[in-house]
Amino acid sequence: MDHCRSLPMATEDVKWADHLVFSVASKMFAMFDVDDRSTRFRFKCDDDDFDALCEREEIAPSSHIGRYGWVNIDRADVLPMEEARALLTKSHRLVVGGLSKKKQREILGETQDAH
């Protein structure tokens, strides 16, 4: 979760009473169960990662949002920490990439070249 908090302009809030949701520009990119004993989490991924991840044990399309490229990780130890961080970063970038160019520059801290 700390990694999600470190991503540019990421926000967090609790939705549906038991999900800690990370968003950028009000678009969700990751979700964690609030239950202290749970290590389950979900995130958005591209088509290639979605297919490859869903072939692994204890990783499956997320119910209700799997059709939008979300996967469900049943236990945090299913993915090595570095891979999980990379996939969460990719999820954030995927969501940012779907925003307007102006909003992307704002989030990523880029400026337009003056002509």
PDB file of N, CA and C in Angstrom:
ATOM      1  N   MET A   1       0.810  -1.188   0.000  1.00  0.00           N
ATOM      2  CA  MET A   1       0.000   0.000   0.000  1.00  0.00           C
ATOM      3  C   MET A   1       0.856   1.255   0.000  1.00  0.00           C
ATOM      4  N   ASP A   2       1.970   1.208   0.705  1.00  0.00           N
ATOM      5  CA  ASP A   2       2.853   2.375   0.722  1.00  0.00           C
ATOM      6  C   ASP A   2       3.338   2.714  -0.675  1.00  0.00           C
ATOM      7  N   HIS A   3       3.573   1.700  -1.488  1.00  0.00           N
ATOM      8  CA  HIS A   3       4.016   1.959  -2.857  1.00  0.00           C
ATOM      9  C   HIS A   3       2.938   2.735  -3.625  1.00  0.00           C
ATOM     10  N   CYS A   4       1.684   2.338  -3.490  1.00  0.00           N
ATOM     11  CA  CYS A   4       0.595   3.042  -4.164  1.00  0.00           C
ATOM     12  C   CYS A   4       0.526   4.496  -3.704  1.00  0.00           C
ATOM     13  N   ARG A   5       0.744   4.718  -2.423  1.00  0.00           N
ATOM     14  CA  ARG A   5       0.713   6.079  -1.885  1.00  0.00           C
ATOM     15  C   ARG A   5       1.822   6.943  -2.476  1.00  0.00           C
ATOM     16  N   SER A   6       2.916   6.325  -2.894  1.00  0.00           N
ATOM     17  CA  SER A   6       4.060   7.077  -3.407  1.00  0.00           C
ATOM     18  C   SER A   6       3.920   7.470  -4.878  1.00  0.00           C
ATOM     19  N   LEU A   7       2.924   6.942  -5.570  1.00  0.00           N
ATOM     20  CA  LEU A   7       2.771   7.227  -6.998  1.00  0.00           C
ATOM     21  C   LEU A   7       2.190   8.619  -7.210  1.00  0.00           C
ATOM     22  N   PRO A   8       2.569   9.288  -8.313  1.00  0.00           N
ATOM     23  CA  PRO A   8       2.150  10.675  -8.540  1.00  0.00           C
ATOM     24  C   PRO A   8       0.637  10.888  -8.453  1.00  0.00           C
ATOM     25  N   MET A   9       0.253  11.802  -7.584  1.00  0.00           N
ATOM     26  CA  MET A   9      -1.122  12.243  -7.383  1.00  0.00           C
ATOM     27  C   MET A   9      -2.100  11.118  -7.030  1.00  0.00           C
ATOM     28  N   ALA A  10      -1.594  10.051  -6.434  1.00  0.00           N
ATOM     29  CA  ALA A  10      -2.463   8.961  -5.992  1.00  0.00           C
ATOM     30  C   ALA A  10      -3.252   9.413  -4.771  1.00  0.00           C
ATOM     31  N   THR A  11      -4.508   9.047  -4.744  1.00  0.00           N
ATOM     32  CA  THR A  11      -5.358   9.311  -3.598  1.00  0.00           C
ATOM     33  C   THR A  11      -5.880   7.980  -3.085  1.00  0.00           C
ATOM     34  N   GLU A  12      -6.340   7.967  -1.855  1.00  0.00           N
ATOM     35  CA  GLU A  12      -6.888   6.736  -1.285  1.00  0.00           C
ATOM     36  C   GLU A  12      -8.143   7.044  -0.492  1.00  0.00           C
ATOM     37  N   ASP A  13      -9.060   6.112  -0.535  1.00  0.00           N
ATOM     38  CA  ASP A  13     -10.249   6.200   0.294  1.00  0.00           C
ATOM     39  C   ASP A  13     -10.852   4.810   0.435  1.00  0.00           C
ATOM     40  N   VAL A  14     -11.726   4.663   1.408  1.00  0.00           N
ATOM     41  CA  VAL A  14     -12.386   3.379   1.641  1.00  0.00           C
ATOM     42  C   VAL A  14     -13.727   3.415   0.916  1.00  0.00           C
ATOM     43  N   LYS A  15     -13.950   2.404   0.092  1.00  0.00           N
ATOM     44  CA  LYS A  15     -15.205   2.275  -0.648  1.00  0.00           C
ATOM     45  C   LYS A  15     -15.868   0.952  -0.255  1.00  0.00           C
ATOM     46  N   TRP A  16     -17.162   0.925  -0.354  1.00  0.00           N
ATOM     47  CA  TRP A  16     -17.936  -0.282  -0.085  1.00  0.00           C
ATOM     48  C   TRP A  16     -17.635  -0.848   1.306  1.00  0.00           C
ATOM     49  N   ALA A  17     -17.266   0.011   2.226  1.00  0.00           N
ATOM     50  CA  ALA A  17     -17.045  -0.299   3.643  1.00  0.00           C
ATOM     51  C   ALA A  17     -15.817  -1.155   3.938  1.00  0.00           C
ATOM     52  N   ASP A  18     -15.283  -1.857   2.960  1.00  0.00           N
ATOM     53  CA  ASP A  18     -14.171  -2.754   3.286  1.00  0.00           C
ATOM     54  C   ASP A  18     -13.072  -2.835   2.232  1.00  0.00           C
ATOM     55  N   HIS A  19     -12.981  -1.829   1.367  1.00  0.00           N
ATOM     56  CA  HIS A  19     -11.934  -1.826   0.341  1.00  0.00           C
ATOM     57  C   HIS A  19     -11.176  -0.500   0.373  1.00  0.00           C
ATOM     58  N   LEU A  20      -9.869  -0.579   0.567  1.00  0.00           N
ATOM     59  CA  LEU A  20      -9.020   0.597   0.468  1.00  0.00           C
ATOM     60  C   LEU A  20      -8.677   0.757  -1.000  1.00  0.00           C
ATOM     61  N   VAL A  21      -9.156   1.838  -1.611  1.00  0.00           N
ATOM     62  CA  VAL A  21      -9.028   2.045  -3.045  1.00  0.00           C
ATOM     63  C   VAL A  21      -8.040   3.171  -3.324  1.00  0.00           C
ATOM     64  N   PHE A  22      -7.124   2.910  -4.250  1.00  0.00           N
ATOM     65  CA  PHE A  22      -6.177   3.914  -4.709  1.00  0.00           C
ATOM     66  C   PHE A  22      -6.606   4.359  -6.094  1.00  0.00           C
ATOM     67  N   SER A  23      -6.628   5.678  -6.275  1.00  0.00           N
ATOM     68  CA  SER A  23      -7.085   6.263  -7.532  1.00  0.00           C
ATOM     69  C   SER A  23      -6.125   7.360  -7.963  1.00  0.00           C
ATOM     70  N   VAL A  24      -6.246   7.709  -9.235  1.00  0.00           N
ATOM     71  CA  VAL A  24      -5.560   8.879  -9.776  1.00  0.00           C
ATOM     72  C   VAL A  24      -6.591   9.574 -10.657  1.00  0.00           C
ATOM     73  N   ALA A  25      -6.798  10.856 -10.418  1.00  0.00           N
ATOM     74  CA  ALA A  25      -7.821  11.634 -11.131  1.00  0.00           C
ATOM     75  C   ALA A  25      -9.185  10.938 -11.035  1.00  0.00           C
ATOM     76  N   SER A  26      -9.502  10.446  -9.862  1.00  0.00           N
ATOM     77  CA  SER A  26     -10.768   9.768  -9.560  1.00  0.00           C
ATOM     78  C   SER A  26     -10.974   8.455 -10.311  1.00  0.00           C
ATOM     79  N   LYS A  27      -9.922   7.909 -10.908  1.00  0.00           N
ATOM     80  CA  LYS A  27      -9.992   6.625 -11.611  1.00  0.00           C
ATOM     81  C   LYS A  27      -9.203   5.604 -10.804  1.00  0.00           C
ATOM     82  N   MET A  28      -9.839   4.507 -10.434  1.00  0.00           N
ATOM     83  CA  MET A  28      -9.199   3.494  -9.598  1.00  0.00           C
ATOM     84  C   MET A  28      -8.088   2.754 -10.342  1.00  0.00           C
ATOM     85  N   PHE A  29      -6.988   2.476  -9.615  1.00  0.00           N
ATOM     86  CA  PHE A  29      -5.931   1.646 -10.193  1.00  0.00           C
ATOM     87  C   PHE A  29      -5.545   0.475  -9.299  1.00  0.00           C
ATOM     88  N   ALA A  30      -5.923   0.482  -8.028  1.00  0.00           N
ATOM     89  CA  ALA A  30      -5.612  -0.636  -7.125  1.00  0.00           C
ATOM     90  C   ALA A  30      -6.605  -0.639  -5.968  1.00  0.00           C
ATOM     91  N   MET A  31      -6.826  -1.831  -5.421  1.00  0.00           N
ATOM     92  CA  MET A  31      -7.781  -1.986  -4.333  1.00  0.00           C
ATOM     93  C   MET A  31      -7.272  -3.082  -3.384  1.00  0.00           C
ATOM     94  N   PHE A  32      -7.315  -2.801  -2.092  1.00  0.00           N
ATOM     95  CA  PHE A  32      -6.876  -3.738  -1.067  1.00  0.00           C
ATOM     96  C   PHE A  32      -8.017  -3.987  -0.095  1.00  0.00           C
ATOM     97  N   ASP A  33      -8.144  -5.212   0.395  1.00  0.00           N
ATOM     98  CA  ASP A  33      -9.145  -5.501   1.419  1.00  0.00           C
ATOM     99  C   ASP A  33      -8.719  -4.821   2.717  1.00  0.00           C
ATOM    100  N   VAL A  34      -9.661  -4.235   3.423  1.00  0.00           N
ATOM    101  CA  VAL A  34      -9.369  -3.518   4.670  1.00  0.00           C
ATOM    102  C   VAL A  34      -9.135  -4.477   5.828  1.00  0.00           C
ATOM    103  N   ASP A  35      -9.737  -5.639   5.788  1.00  0.00           N
ATOM    104  CA  ASP A  35      -9.582  -6.636   6.839  1.00  0.00           C
ATOM    105  C   ASP A  35      -8.092  -6.844   7.137  1.00  0.00           C
ATOM    106  N   ASP A  36      -7.685  -6.643   8.376  1.00  0.00           N
ATOM    107  CA  ASP A  36      -6.273  -6.740   8.770  1.00  0.00           C
ATOM    108  C   ASP A  36      -5.647  -8.094   8.458  1.00  0.00           C
ATOM    109  N   ARG A  37      -6.435  -9.124   8.457  1.00  0.00           N
ATOM    110  CA  ARG A  37      -5.900 -10.465   8.223  1.00  0.00           C
ATOM    111  C   ARG A  37      -5.773 -10.797   6.740  1.00  0.00           C
ATOM    112  N   SER A  38      -6.382 -10.003   5.897  1.00  0.00           N
ATOM    113  CA  SER A  38      -6.377 -10.286   4.466  1.00  0.00           C
ATOM    114  C   SER A  38      -5.163  -9.667   3.779  1.00  0.00           C
ATOM    115  N   THR A  39      -4.632 -10.372   2.813  1.00  0.00           N
ATOM    116  CA  THR A  39      -3.557  -9.818   1.988  1.00  0.00           C
ATOM    117  C   THR A  39      -4.015  -9.750   0.529  1.00  0.00           C
ATOM    118  N   ARG A  40      -5.310  -9.926   0.323  1.00  0.00           N
ATOM    119  CA  ARG A  40      -5.884  -9.903  -1.025  1.00  0.00           C
ATOM    120  C   ARG A  40      -5.856  -8.476  -1.579  1.00  0.00           C
ATOM    121  N   PHE A  41      -5.489  -8.367  -2.852  1.00  0.00           N
ATOM    122  CA  PHE A  41      -5.567  -7.080  -3.509  1.00  0.00           C
ATOM    123  C   PHE A  41      -5.877  -7.262  -4.983  1.00  0.00           C
ATOM    124  N   ARG A  42      -6.266  -6.160  -5.610  1.00  0.00           N
ATOM    125  CA  ARG A  42      -6.658  -6.163  -7.010  1.00  0.00           C
ATOM    126  C   ARG A  42      -6.039  -4.955  -7.695  1.00  0.00           C
ATOM    127  N   PHE A  43      -5.814  -5.078  -8.988  1.00  0.00           N
ATOM    128  CA  PHE A  43      -5.313  -3.935  -9.753  1.00  0.00           C
ATOM    129  C   PHE A  43      -5.640  -4.108 -11.224  1.00  0.00           C
ATOM    130  N   LYS A  44      -5.612  -3.005 -11.916  1.00  0.00           N
ATOM    131  CA  LYS A  44      -5.873  -2.977 -13.349  1.00  0.00           C
ATOM    132  C   LYS A  44      -4.572  -3.315 -14.079  1.00  0.00           C
ATOM    133  N   CYS A  45      -4.678  -4.061 -15.180  1.00  0.00           N
ATOM    134  CA  CYS A  45      -3.481  -4.369 -15.965  1.00  0.00           C
ATOM    135  C   CYS A  45      -3.810  -4.399 -17.447  1.00  0.00           C
ATOM    136  N   ASP A  46      -2.768  -4.374 -18.259  1.00  0.00           N
ATOM    137  CA  ASP A  46      -2.978  -4.425 -19.706  1.00  0.00           C
ATOM    138  C   ASP A  46      -3.313  -5.857 -20.122  1.00  0.00           C
ATOM    139  N   ASP A  47      -3.697  -6.030 -21.378  1.00  0.00           N
ATOM    140  CA  ASP A  47      -4.147  -7.342 -21.860  1.00  0.00           C
ATOM    141  C   ASP A  47      -3.083  -8.426 -21.710  1.00  0.00           C
ATOM    142  N   ASP A  48      -1.831  -8.104 -22.030  1.00  0.00           N
ATOM    143  CA  ASP A  48      -0.762  -9.104 -21.939  1.00  0.00           C
ATOM    144  C   ASP A  48      -0.538  -9.558 -20.502  1.00  0.00           C
ATOM    145  N   ASP A  49      -0.434  -8.601 -19.589  1.00  0.00           N
ATOM    146  CA  ASP A  49      -0.248  -8.955 -18.179  1.00  0.00           C
ATOM    147  C   ASP A  49      -1.467  -9.699 -17.642  1.00  0.00           C
ATOM    148  N   PHE A  50      -2.659  -9.276 -18.044  1.00  0.00           N
ATOM    149  CA  PHE A  50      -3.887  -9.931 -17.588  1.00  0.00           C
ATOM    150  C   PHE A  50      -3.854 -11.414 -17.941  1.00  0.00           C
ATOM    151  N   ASP A  51      -3.559 -11.718 -19.204  1.00  0.00           N
ATOM    152  CA  ASP A  51      -3.532 -13.120 -19.646  1.00  0.00           C
ATOM    153  C   ASP A  51      -2.452 -13.917 -18.917  1.00  0.00           C
ATOM    154  N   ALA A  52      -1.251 -13.342 -18.810  1.00  0.00           N
ATOM    155  CA  ALA A  52      -0.140 -14.052 -18.164  1.00  0.00           C
ATOM    156  C   ALA A  52      -0.405 -14.267 -16.676  1.00  0.00           C
ATOM    157  N   LEU A  53      -0.915 -13.260 -15.997  1.00  0.00           N
ATOM    158  CA  LEU A  53      -1.170 -13.382 -14.560  1.00  0.00           C
ATOM    159  C   LEU A  53      -2.278 -14.381 -14.268  1.00  0.00           C
ATOM    160  N   CYS A  54      -3.306 -14.405 -15.101  1.00  0.00           N
ATOM    161  CA  CYS A  54      -4.436 -15.308 -14.853  1.00  0.00           C
ATOM    162  C   CYS A  54      -4.079 -16.778 -15.059  1.00  0.00           C
ATOM    163  N   GLU A  55      -2.920 -17.035 -15.635  1.00  0.00           N
ATOM    164  CA  GLU A  55      -2.445 -18.415 -15.770  1.00  0.00           C
ATOM    165  C   GLU A  55      -1.795 -18.922 -14.484  1.00  0.00           C
ATOM    166  N   ARG A  56      -1.492 -18.033 -13.564  1.00  0.00           N
ATOM    167  CA  ARG A  56      -0.826 -18.401 -12.311  1.00  0.00           C
ATOM    168  C   ARG A  56      -1.834 -18.850 -11.254  1.00  0.00           C
ATOM    169  N   GLU A  57      -1.328 -19.675 -10.354  1.00  0.00           N
ATOM    170  CA  GLU A  57      -2.136 -20.107  -9.205  1.00  0.00           C
ATOM    171  C   GLU A  57      -2.503 -18.897  -8.356  1.00  0.00           C
ATOM    172  N   GLU A  58      -3.706 -18.886  -7.842  1.00  0.00           N
ATOM    173  CA  GLU A  58      -4.200 -17.878  -6.910  1.00  0.00           C
ATOM    174  C   GLU A  58      -4.276 -16.464  -7.487  1.00  0.00           C
ATOM    175  N   ILE A  59      -4.285 -16.366  -8.820  1.00  0.00           N
ATOM    176  CA  ILE A  59      -4.534 -15.097  -9.489  1.00  0.00           C
ATOM    177  C   ILE A  59      -5.650 -15.363 -10.493  1.00  0.00           C
ATOM    178  N   ALA A  60      -6.656 -14.495 -10.477  1.00  0.00           N
ATOM    179  CA  ALA A  60      -7.813 -14.696 -11.355  1.00  0.00           C
ATOM    180  C   ALA A  60      -8.403 -13.341 -11.724  1.00  0.00           C
ATOM    181  N   PRO A  61      -9.220 -13.315 -12.763  1.00  0.00           N
ATOM    182  CA  PRO A  61      -9.939 -12.070 -13.059  1.00  0.00           C
ATOM    183  C   PRO A  61     -10.774 -11.664 -11.848  1.00  0.00           C
ATOM    184  N   SER A  62     -10.817 -10.385 -11.547  1.00  0.00           N
ATOM    185  CA  SER A  62     -11.617  -9.896 -10.422  1.00  0.00           C
ATOM    186  C   SER A  62     -13.095  -9.998 -10.767  1.00  0.00           C
ATOM    187  N   SER A  63     -13.873 -10.408  -9.770  1.00  0.00           N
ATOM    188  CA  SER A  63     -15.317 -10.460 -10.010  1.00  0.00           C
ATOM    189  C   SER A  63     -15.821  -9.040 -10.268  1.00  0.00           C
ATOM    190  N   HIS A  64     -16.747  -8.916 -11.121  1.00  0.00           N
ATOM    191  CA  HIS A  64     -17.395  -7.661 -11.513  1.00  0.00           C
ATOM    192  C   HIS A  64     -16.517  -6.738 -12.366  1.00  0.00           C
ATOM    193  N   ILE A  65     -15.214  -6.680 -12.122  1.00  0.00           N
ATOM    194  CA  ILE A  65     -14.373  -5.742 -12.874  1.00  0.00           C
ATOM    195  C   ILE A  65     -13.282  -6.439 -13.687  1.00  0.00           C
ATOM    196  N   GLY A  66     -13.278  -7.753 -13.680  1.00  0.00           N
ATOM    197  CA  GLY A  66     -12.308  -8.501 -14.473  1.00  0.00           C
ATOM    198  C   GLY A  66     -12.413  -8.194 -15.953  1.00  0.00           C
ATOM    199  N   ARG A  67     -13.616  -7.923 -16.415  1.00  0.00           N
ATOM    200  CA  ARG A  67     -13.797  -7.620 -17.841  1.00  0.00           C
ATOM    201  C   ARG A  67     -13.145  -6.298 -18.233  1.00  0.00           C
ATOM    202  N   TYR A  68     -12.766  -5.499 -17.254  1.00  0.00           N
ATOM    203  CA  TYR A  68     -12.063  -4.242 -17.506  1.00  0.00           C
ATOM    204  C   TYR A  68     -10.560  -4.373 -17.286  1.00  0.00           C
ATOM    205  N   GLY A  69     -10.066  -5.608 -17.191  1.00  0.00           N
ATOM    206  CA  GLY A  69      -8.635  -5.840 -17.059  1.00  0.00           C
ATOM    207  C   GLY A  69      -8.117  -5.889 -15.625  1.00  0.00           C
ATOM    208  N   TRP A  70      -8.994  -6.128 -14.673  1.00  0.00           N
ATOM    209  CA  TRP A  70      -8.574  -6.199 -13.280  1.00  0.00           C
ATOM    210  C   TRP A  70      -8.325  -7.643 -12.875  1.00  0.00           C
ATOM    211  N   VAL A  71      -7.231  -7.862 -12.119  1.00  0.00           N
ATOM    212  CA  VAL A  71      -6.944  -9.187 -11.579  1.00  0.00           C
ATOM    213  C   VAL A  71      -7.041  -9.152 -10.057  1.00  0.00           C
ATOM    214  N   ASN A  72      -7.325 -10.309  -9.493  1.00  0.00           N
ATOM    215  CA  ASN A  72      -7.433 -10.485  -8.051  1.00  0.00           C
ATOM    216  C   ASN A  72      -6.262 -11.356  -7.598  1.00  0.00           C
ATOM    217  N   ILE A  73      -5.482 -10.852  -6.669  1.00  0.00           N
ATOM    218  CA  ILE A  73      -4.370 -11.595  -6.082  1.00  0.00           C
ATOM    219  C   ILE A  73      -4.856 -12.083  -4.719  1.00  0.00           C
ATOM    220  N   ASP A  74      -4.954 -13.392  -4.555  1.00  0.00           N
ATOM    221  CA  ASP A  74      -5.514 -13.936  -3.318  1.00  0.00           C
ATOM    222  C   ASP A  74      -4.606 -13.773  -2.102  1.00  0.00           C
ATOM    223  N   ARG A  75      -3.298 -13.844  -2.319  1.00  0.00           N
ATOM    224  CA  ARG A  75      -2.338 -13.696  -1.221  1.00  0.00           C
ATOM    225  C   ARG A  75      -1.163 -12.859  -1.714  1.00  0.00           C
ATOM    226  N   ALA A  76      -0.701 -11.959  -0.876  1.00  0.00           N
ATOM    227  CA  ALA A  76       0.395 -11.075  -1.270  1.00  0.00           C
ATOM    228  C   ALA A  76       1.653 -11.837  -1.665  1.00  0.00           C
ATOM    229  N   ASP A  77       1.884 -13.016  -1.068  1.00  0.00           N
ATOM    230  CA  ASP A  77       3.119 -13.751  -1.371  1.00  0.00           C
ATOM    231  C   ASP A  77       3.063 -14.501  -2.705  1.00  0.00           C
ATOM    232  N   VAL A  78       1.962 -14.391  -3.426  1.00  0.00           N
ATOM    233  CA  VAL A  78       1.860 -15.005  -4.751  1.00  0.00           C
ATOM    234  C   VAL A  78       2.806 -14.303  -5.736  1.00  0.00           C
ATOM    235  N   LEU A  79       3.007 -13.011  -5.527  1.00  0.00           N
ATOM    236  CA  LEU A  79       3.920 -12.230  -6.371  1.00  0.00           C
ATOM    237  C   LEU A  79       5.120 -11.769  -5.552  1.00  0.00           C
ATOM    238  N   PRO A  80       6.321 -11.864  -6.110  1.00  0.00           N
ATOM    239  CA  PRO A  80       7.472 -11.264  -5.426  1.00  0.00           C
ATOM    240  C   PRO A  80       7.230  -9.757  -5.268  1.00  0.00           C
ATOM    241  N   MET A  81       7.727  -9.180  -4.199  1.00  0.00           N
ATOM    242  CA  MET A  81       7.479  -7.772  -3.877  1.00  0.00           C
ATOM    243  C   MET A  81       7.821  -6.837  -5.042  1.00  0.00           C
ATOM    244  N   GLU A  82       8.968  -7.035  -5.662  1.00  0.00           N
ATOM    245  CA  GLU A  82       9.372  -6.154  -6.766  1.00  0.00           C
ATOM    246  C   GLU A  82       8.425  -6.271  -7.951  1.00  0.00           C
ATOM    247  N   GLU A  83       7.954  -7.473  -8.237  1.00  0.00           N
ATOM    248  CA  GLU A  83       7.007  -7.651  -9.334  1.00  0.00           C
ATOM    249  C   GLU A  83       5.678  -6.977  -9.001  1.00  0.00           C
ATOM    250  N   ALA A  84       5.228  -7.130  -7.770  1.00  0.00           N
ATOM    251  CA  ALA A  84       3.977  -6.489  -7.352  1.00  0.00           C
ATOM    252  C   ALA A  84       4.094  -4.973  -7.478  1.00  0.00           C
ATOM    253  N   ARG A  85       5.205  -4.412  -7.031  1.00  0.00           N
ATOM    254  CA  ARG A  85       5.404  -2.955  -7.143  1.00  0.00           C
ATOM    255  C   ARG A  85       5.403  -2.515  -8.600  1.00  0.00           C
ATOM    256  N   ALA A  86       6.088  -3.267  -9.451  1.00  0.00           N
ATOM    257  CA  ALA A  86       6.138  -2.926 -10.879  1.00  0.00           C
ATOM    258  C   ALA A  86       4.745  -2.982 -11.501  1.00  0.00           C
ATOM    259  N   LEU A  87       3.964  -3.989 -11.148  1.00  0.00           N
ATOM    260  CA  LEU A  87       2.617  -4.121 -11.695  1.00  0.00           C
ATOM    261  C   LEU A  87       1.689  -3.013 -11.178  1.00  0.00           C
ATOM    262  N   LEU A  88       1.844  -2.620  -9.928  1.00  0.00           N
ATOM    263  CA  LEU A  88       1.042  -1.519  -9.390  1.00  0.00           C
ATOM    264  C   LEU A  88       1.426  -0.193 -10.054  1.00  0.00           C
ATOM    265  N   THR A  89       2.705   0.004 -10.309  1.00  0.00           N
ATOM    266  CA  THR A  89       3.153   1.197 -11.029  1.00  0.00           C
ATOM    267  C   THR A  89       2.574   1.200 -12.433  1.00  0.00           C
ATOM    268  N   LYS A  90       2.608   0.044 -13.086  1.00  0.00           N
ATOM    269  CA  LYS A  90       2.045  -0.080 -14.430  1.00  0.00           C
ATOM    270  C   LYS A  90       0.543   0.199 -14.420  1.00  0.00           C
ATOM    271  N   SER A  91      -0.146  -0.252 -13.393  1.00  0.00           N
ATOM    272  CA  SER A  91      -1.573  -0.002 -13.269  1.00  0.00           C
ATOM    273  C   SER A  91      -1.845   1.502 -13.196  1.00  0.00           C
ATOM    274  N   HIS A  92      -1.068   2.181 -12.376  1.00  0.00           N
ATOM    275  CA  HIS A  92      -1.183   3.641 -12.247  1.00  0.00           C
ATOM    276  C   HIS A  92      -0.949   4.296 -13.603  1.00  0.00           C
ATOM    277  N   ARG A  93       0.110   3.901 -14.299  1.00  0.00           N
ATOM    278  CA  ARG A  93       0.429   4.487 -15.614  1.00  0.00           C
ATOM    279  C   ARG A  93      -0.650   4.184 -16.644  1.00  0.00           C
ATOM    280  N   LEU A  94      -1.220   3.004 -16.569  1.00  0.00           N
ATOM    281  CA  LEU A  94      -2.296   2.620 -17.486  1.00  0.00           C
ATOM    282  C   LEU A  94      -3.497   3.551 -17.310  1.00  0.00           C
ATOM    283  N   VAL A  95      -3.848   3.823 -16.080  1.00  0.00           N
ATOM    284  CA  VAL A  95      -4.967   4.724 -15.806  1.00  0.00           C
ATOM    285  C   VAL A  95      -4.623   6.143 -16.243  1.00  0.00           C
ATOM    286  N   VAL A  96      -3.423   6.604 -15.921  1.00  0.00           N
ATOM    287  CA  VAL A  96      -3.003   7.947 -16.330  1.00  0.00           C
ATOM    288  C   VAL A  96      -3.023   8.053 -17.859  1.00  0.00           C
ATOM    289  N   GLY A  97      -2.601   7.004 -18.536  1.00  0.00           N
ATOM    290  CA  GLY A  97      -2.577   7.001 -20.003  1.00  0.00           C
ATOM    291  C   GLY A  97      -3.947   7.143 -20.641  1.00  0.00           C
ATOM    292  N   GLY A  98      -4.999   6.841 -19.906  1.00  0.00           N
ATOM    293  CA  GLY A  98      -6.353   6.984 -20.417  1.00  0.00           C
ATOM    294  C   GLY A  98      -6.947   8.367 -20.193  1.00  0.00           C
ATOM    295  N   LEU A  99      -6.192   9.228 -19.556  1.00  0.00           N
ATOM    296  CA  LEU A  99      -6.663  10.586 -19.276  1.00  0.00           C
ATOM    297  C   LEU A  99      -6.262  11.532 -20.410  1.00  0.00           C
ATOM    298  N   SER A 100      -6.793  12.730 -20.389  1.00  0.00           N
ATOM    299  CA  SER A 100      -6.432  13.732 -21.400  1.00  0.00           C
ATOM    300  C   SER A 100      -4.941  14.043 -21.305  1.00  0.00           C
ATOM    301  N   LYS A 101      -4.354  14.483 -22.390  1.00  0.00           N
ATOM    302  CA  LYS A 101      -2.923  14.828 -22.408  1.00  0.00           C
ATOM    303  C   LYS A 101      -2.624  15.916 -21.378  1.00  0.00           C
ATOM    304  N   LYS A 102      -3.498  16.870 -21.241  1.00  0.00           N
ATOM    305  CA  LYS A 102      -3.310  17.940 -20.264  1.00  0.00           C
ATOM    306  C   LYS A 102      -3.251  17.370 -18.846  1.00  0.00           C
ATOM    307  N   LYS A 103      -4.190  16.474 -18.533  1.00  0.00           N
ATOM    308  CA  LYS A 103      -4.240  15.871 -17.197  1.00  0.00           C
ATOM    309  C   LYS A 103      -3.008  14.990 -16.973  1.00  0.00           C
ATOM    310  N   GLN A 104      -2.577  14.272 -18.009  1.00  0.00           N
ATOM    311  CA  GLN A 104      -1.377  13.443 -17.897  1.00  0.00           C
ATOM    312  C   GLN A 104      -0.167  14.299 -17.526  1.00  0.00           C
ATOM    313  N   ARG A 105      -0.003  15.423 -18.222  1.00  0.00           N
ATOM    314  CA  ARG A 105       1.133  16.316 -17.920  1.00  0.00           C
ATOM    315  C   ARG A 105       1.048  16.845 -16.498  1.00  0.00           C
ATOM    316  N   GLU A 106      -0.157  17.179 -16.058  1.00  0.00           N
ATOM    317  CA  GLU A 106      -0.356  17.677 -14.699  1.00  0.00           C
ATOM    318  C   GLU A 106       0.051  16.630 -13.667  1.00  0.00           C
ATOM    319  N   ILE A 107      -0.365  15.392 -13.883  1.00  0.00           N
ATOM    320  CA  ILE A 107      -0.079  14.316 -12.930  1.00  0.00           C
ATOM    321  C   ILE A 107       1.394  13.951 -12.929  1.00  0.00           C
ATOM    322  N   LEU A 108       1.981  13.866 -14.102  1.00  0.00           N
ATOM    323  CA  LEU A 108       3.365  13.428 -14.211  1.00  0.00           C
ATOM    324  C   LEU A 108       4.366  14.564 -14.050  1.00  0.00           C
ATOM    325  N   GLY A 109       3.845  15.790 -13.871  1.00  0.00           N
ATOM    326  CA  GLY A 109       4.721  16.937 -13.635  1.00  0.00           C
ATOM    327  C   GLY A 109       5.490  17.386 -14.839  1.00  0.00           C
ATOM    328  N   GLU A 110       4.950  17.103 -16.021  1.00  0.00           N
ATOM    329  CA  GLU A 110       5.627  17.496 -17.255  1.00  0.00           C
ATOM    330  C   GLU A 110       5.084  18.848 -17.698  1.00  0.00           C
ATOM    331  N   THR A 111       5.908  19.595 -18.397  1.00  0.00           N
ATOM    332  CA  THR A 111       5.478  20.878 -18.941  1.00  0.00           C
ATOM    333  C   THR A 111       5.567  20.840 -20.447  1.00  0.00           C
ATOM    334  N   GLN A 112       4.717  21.619 -21.082  1.00  0.00           N
ATOM    335  CA  GLN A 112       4.759  21.723 -22.536  1.00  0.00           C
ATOM    336  C   GLN A 112       5.910  22.619 -22.923  1.00  0.00           C
ATOM    337  N   ASP A 113       6.545  22.298 -24.044  1.00  0.00           N
ATOM    338  CA  ASP A 113       7.598  23.170 -24.560  1.00  0.00           C
ATOM    339  C   ASP A 113       6.972  24.447 -25.075  1.00  0.00           C
ATOM    340  N   ALA A 114       7.520  25.559 -24.688  1.00  0.00           N
ATOM    341  CA  ALA A 114       7.023  26.846 -25.193  1.00  0.00           C
ATOM    342  C   ALA A 114       7.558  27.072 -26.588  1.00  0.00           C
ATOM    343  N   HIS A 115       6.694  27.542 -27.472  1.00  0.00           N
ATOM    344  CA  HIS A 115       7.113  27.811 -28.857  1.00  0.00           C
ATOM    345  C   HIS A 115       7.176  29.275 -29.111  1.00  0.00           C
TER     346      HIS A 115
END
